[in-house]
Amino acid sequence: MNLYVGNLPWTASEEELESLFAQHGDVKTVRIITDRDSGRSKGFGFVEMTDSNGGTSAIEALDGNDFGGRDLRVNEAKERS
């Protein structure tokens, strides 16, 4: 299950995000989206969980919760059209 994670603090690392989501299931990949020119985080990313149970658990537990001083937005990622 691929999850969209928004409202990330600019200083968040992929390792911190993986650690946070690993509490709710097995994490397959973590990717924080960065600006092509500056390399700075755009404040959102994607976490892929190995199964939908872990993904659903992470959404329920983390959406709206504080992470680094910001309230995370976590939901199922939508496929690009």
N, C-alpha and C. Protein backbone atom coordinates (compact mmCIF):
# COMPACT_ATOMS: atom_id res chain seq x y z
N MET A 1 0.85 -1.18 0.00
CA MET A 1 0.00 0.00 0.00
C MET A 1 0.89 1.23 0.00
N ASN A 2 0.64 2.13 -0.93
CA ASN A 2 1.44 3.35 -1.06
C ASN A 2 0.71 4.50 -0.36
N LEU A 3 1.40 5.18 0.54
CA LEU A 3 0.80 6.26 1.32
C LEU A 3 1.42 7.61 0.97
N TYR A 4 0.57 8.62 0.87
CA TYR A 4 1.01 10.01 0.73
C TYR A 4 1.18 10.56 2.14
N VAL A 5 2.30 11.23 2.39
CA VAL A 5 2.56 11.85 3.70
C VAL A 5 2.85 13.33 3.45
N GLY A 6 1.95 14.18 3.88
CA GLY A 6 2.09 15.61 3.65
C GLY A 6 2.31 16.38 4.94
N ASN A 7 2.67 17.65 4.78
CA ASN A 7 2.92 18.57 5.88
C ASN A 7 4.13 18.14 6.72
N LEU A 8 5.12 17.58 6.03
CA LEU A 8 6.35 17.16 6.72
C LEU A 8 7.18 18.38 7.11
N PRO A 9 7.87 18.31 8.26
CA PRO A 9 8.81 19.39 8.58
C PRO A 9 9.96 19.38 7.56
N TRP A 10 10.50 20.54 7.27
CA TRP A 10 11.57 20.64 6.26
C TRP A 10 12.80 19.83 6.64
N THR A 11 12.98 19.59 7.94
CA THR A 11 14.17 18.90 8.42
C THR A 11 14.00 17.39 8.51
N ALA A 12 12.83 16.87 8.21
CA ALA A 12 12.57 15.43 8.34
C ALA A 12 13.46 14.64 7.38
N SER A 13 13.93 13.49 7.87
CA SER A 13 14.75 12.62 7.02
C SER A 13 13.95 11.36 6.68
N GLU A 14 14.39 10.69 5.64
CA GLU A 14 13.72 9.45 5.25
C GLU A 14 13.86 8.39 6.34
N GLU A 15 14.98 8.41 7.06
CA GLU A 15 15.20 7.45 8.15
C GLU A 15 14.21 7.68 9.28
N GLU A 16 13.97 8.95 9.64
CA GLU A 16 13.00 9.27 10.70
C GLU A 16 11.60 8.83 10.29
N LEU A 17 11.26 9.09 9.04
CA LEU A 17 9.94 8.72 8.53
C LEU A 17 9.77 7.20 8.53
N GLU A 18 10.81 6.49 8.12
CA GLU A 18 10.75 5.03 8.11
C GLU A 18 10.56 4.49 9.53
N SER A 19 11.28 5.05 10.47
CA SER A 19 11.16 4.63 11.87
C SER A 19 9.75 4.87 12.40
N LEU A 20 9.16 5.99 12.07
CA LEU A 20 7.81 6.33 12.51
C LEU A 20 6.79 5.34 11.95
N PHE A 21 6.88 5.06 10.67
CA PHE A 21 5.90 4.18 10.03
C PHE A 21 6.13 2.71 10.35
N ALA A 22 7.36 2.34 10.66
CA ALA A 22 7.68 0.95 10.99
C ALA A 22 6.97 0.49 12.27
N GLN A 23 6.52 1.42 13.08
CA GLN A 23 5.77 1.08 14.28
C GLN A 23 4.40 0.49 13.95
N HIS A 24 3.97 0.64 12.69
CA HIS A 24 2.63 0.21 12.28
C HIS A 24 2.65 -0.91 11.25
N GLY A 25 3.82 -1.35 10.84
CA GLY A 25 3.92 -2.44 9.88
C GLY A 25 5.26 -2.39 9.16
N ASP A 26 5.45 -3.33 8.25
CA ASP A 26 6.71 -3.38 7.50
C ASP A 26 6.73 -2.32 6.41
N VAL A 27 7.80 -1.53 6.40
CA VAL A 27 7.97 -0.46 5.41
C VAL A 27 8.83 -0.99 4.27
N LYS A 28 8.32 -0.82 3.05
CA LYS A 28 9.07 -1.27 1.87
C LYS A 28 10.00 -0.16 1.37
N THR A 29 9.46 1.04 1.15
CA THR A 29 10.27 2.18 0.69
C THR A 29 9.77 3.47 1.31
N VAL A 30 10.67 4.45 1.40
CA VAL A 30 10.34 5.80 1.86
C VAL A 30 11.00 6.78 0.90
N ARG A 31 10.25 7.78 0.47
CA ARG A 31 10.82 8.77 -0.44
C ARG A 31 10.26 10.16 -0.09
N ILE A 32 11.14 11.06 0.31
CA ILE A 32 10.75 12.46 0.53
C ILE A 32 11.06 13.20 -0.77
N ILE A 33 10.08 13.93 -1.26
CA ILE A 33 10.23 14.65 -2.52
C ILE A 33 11.00 15.94 -2.28
N THR A 34 12.02 16.17 -3.11
CA THR A 34 12.86 17.36 -2.96
C THR A 34 12.80 18.22 -4.22
N ASP A 35 13.11 19.49 -4.04
CA ASP A 35 13.18 20.43 -5.15
C ASP A 35 14.38 20.07 -6.03
N ARG A 36 14.16 20.04 -7.31
CA ARG A 36 15.21 19.67 -8.27
C ARG A 36 16.41 20.61 -8.21
N ASP A 37 16.17 21.90 -8.05
CA ASP A 37 17.26 22.88 -8.09
C ASP A 37 17.96 23.05 -6.75
N SER A 38 17.19 23.20 -5.67
CA SER A 38 17.80 23.48 -4.37
C SER A 38 18.09 22.22 -3.57
N GLY A 39 17.40 21.12 -3.86
CA GLY A 39 17.58 19.90 -3.09
C GLY A 39 16.83 19.91 -1.77
N ARG A 40 16.10 20.99 -1.49
CA ARG A 40 15.35 21.12 -0.25
C ARG A 40 14.03 20.34 -0.33
N SER A 41 13.62 19.79 0.79
CA SER A 41 12.36 19.05 0.86
C SER A 41 11.20 19.92 0.44
N LYS A 42 10.25 19.34 -0.28
CA LYS A 42 9.03 20.05 -0.66
C LYS A 42 7.94 19.90 0.41
N GLY A 43 8.24 19.15 1.48
CA GLY A 43 7.29 19.02 2.58
C GLY A 43 6.32 17.86 2.43
N PHE A 44 6.57 16.97 1.48
CA PHE A 44 5.73 15.79 1.37
C PHE A 44 6.55 14.62 0.84
N GLY A 45 5.97 13.44 0.96
CA GLY A 45 6.68 12.26 0.50
C GLY A 45 5.74 11.07 0.40
N PHE A 46 6.32 9.91 0.18
CA PHE A 46 5.55 8.69 0.03
C PHE A 46 6.20 7.57 0.83
N VAL A 47 5.36 6.78 1.46
CA VAL A 47 5.82 5.61 2.21
C VAL A 47 5.06 4.41 1.65
N GLU A 48 5.80 3.40 1.23
CA GLU A 48 5.16 2.19 0.73
C GLU A 48 5.25 1.12 1.81
N MET A 49 4.09 0.63 2.22
CA MET A 49 4.01 -0.43 3.22
C MET A 49 3.86 -1.76 2.49
N THR A 50 4.35 -2.84 3.10
CA THR A 50 4.30 -4.14 2.43
C THR A 50 2.89 -4.71 2.33
N ASP A 51 1.99 -4.29 3.23
CA ASP A 51 0.61 -4.78 3.12
C ASP A 51 -0.38 -3.70 3.52
N SER A 52 -1.64 -3.92 3.15
CA SER A 52 -2.67 -2.90 3.39
C SER A 52 -3.02 -2.78 4.88
N ASN A 53 -2.84 -3.84 5.66
CA ASN A 53 -3.12 -3.75 7.10
C ASN A 53 -2.21 -2.73 7.77
N GLY A 54 -0.92 -2.78 7.46
CA GLY A 54 0.02 -1.82 8.01
C GLY A 54 -0.27 -0.41 7.53
N GLY A 55 -0.65 -0.28 6.26
CA GLY A 55 -0.97 1.02 5.71
C GLY A 55 -2.19 1.64 6.37
N THR A 56 -3.23 0.83 6.55
CA THR A 56 -4.45 1.31 7.20
C THR A 56 -4.17 1.70 8.66
N SER A 57 -3.38 0.89 9.34
CA SER A 57 -3.01 1.18 10.72
C SER A 57 -2.24 2.50 10.81
N ALA A 58 -1.31 2.72 9.88
CA ALA A 58 -0.51 3.95 9.88
C ALA A 58 -1.39 5.17 9.61
N ILE A 59 -2.33 5.06 8.68
CA ILE A 59 -3.23 6.18 8.39
C ILE A 59 -4.03 6.54 9.64
N GLU A 60 -4.63 5.53 10.27
CA GLU A 60 -5.45 5.77 11.46
C GLU A 60 -4.65 6.37 12.61
N ALA A 61 -3.41 5.90 12.78
CA ALA A 61 -2.60 6.34 13.92
C ALA A 61 -1.90 7.67 13.70
N LEU A 62 -1.49 7.96 12.46
CA LEU A 62 -0.61 9.10 12.23
C LEU A 62 -1.26 10.32 11.59
N ASP A 63 -2.37 10.15 10.90
CA ASP A 63 -3.00 11.30 10.24
C ASP A 63 -3.45 12.31 11.29
N GLY A 64 -2.95 13.55 11.15
CA GLY A 64 -3.31 14.62 12.08
C GLY A 64 -2.44 14.68 13.32
N ASN A 65 -1.52 13.73 13.49
CA ASN A 65 -0.65 13.73 14.67
C ASN A 65 0.61 14.56 14.43
N ASP A 66 1.15 15.07 15.54
CA ASP A 66 2.34 15.92 15.48
C ASP A 66 3.59 15.12 15.15
N PHE A 67 4.38 15.65 14.23
CA PHE A 67 5.69 15.08 13.89
C PHE A 67 6.61 16.25 13.61
N GLY A 68 7.57 16.49 14.48
CA GLY A 68 8.50 17.60 14.30
C GLY A 68 7.84 18.97 14.34
N GLY A 69 6.76 19.08 15.11
CA GLY A 69 6.07 20.37 15.24
C GLY A 69 5.02 20.63 14.18
N ARG A 70 4.74 19.66 13.32
CA ARG A 70 3.72 19.84 12.28
C ARG A 70 2.76 18.66 12.32
N ASP A 71 1.49 18.92 11.99
CA ASP A 71 0.48 17.86 11.96
C ASP A 71 0.52 17.15 10.61
N LEU A 72 0.88 15.87 10.64
CA LEU A 72 1.00 15.10 9.40
C LEU A 72 -0.35 14.90 8.72
N ARG A 73 -0.30 14.81 7.41
CA ARG A 73 -1.45 14.40 6.61
C ARG A 73 -1.06 13.08 5.97
N VAL A 74 -1.77 12.02 6.33
CA VAL A 74 -1.43 10.69 5.82
C VAL A 74 -2.69 10.08 5.20
N ASN A 75 -2.59 9.70 3.94
CA ASN A 75 -3.69 8.99 3.30
C ASN A 75 -3.15 8.13 2.17
N GLU A 76 -4.02 7.31 1.61
CA GLU A 76 -3.59 6.43 0.54
C GLU A 76 -3.25 7.28 -0.70
N ALA A 77 -2.10 7.01 -1.28
CA ALA A 77 -1.65 7.77 -2.46
C ALA A 77 -2.54 7.40 -3.65
N LYS A 78 -2.83 8.39 -4.47
CA LYS A 78 -3.60 8.16 -5.68
C LYS A 78 -2.65 7.99 -6.85
N GLU A 79 -2.99 7.10 -7.75
CA GLU A 79 -2.16 6.87 -8.94
C GLU A 79 -2.17 8.10 -9.84
N ARG A 80 -1.02 8.38 -10.43
CA ARG A 80 -0.96 9.48 -11.40
C ARG A 80 -1.74 9.09 -12.65
N SER A 81 -2.41 10.07 -13.22
CA SER A 81 -3.16 9.77 -14.46
C SER A 81 -2.39 10.22 -15.69
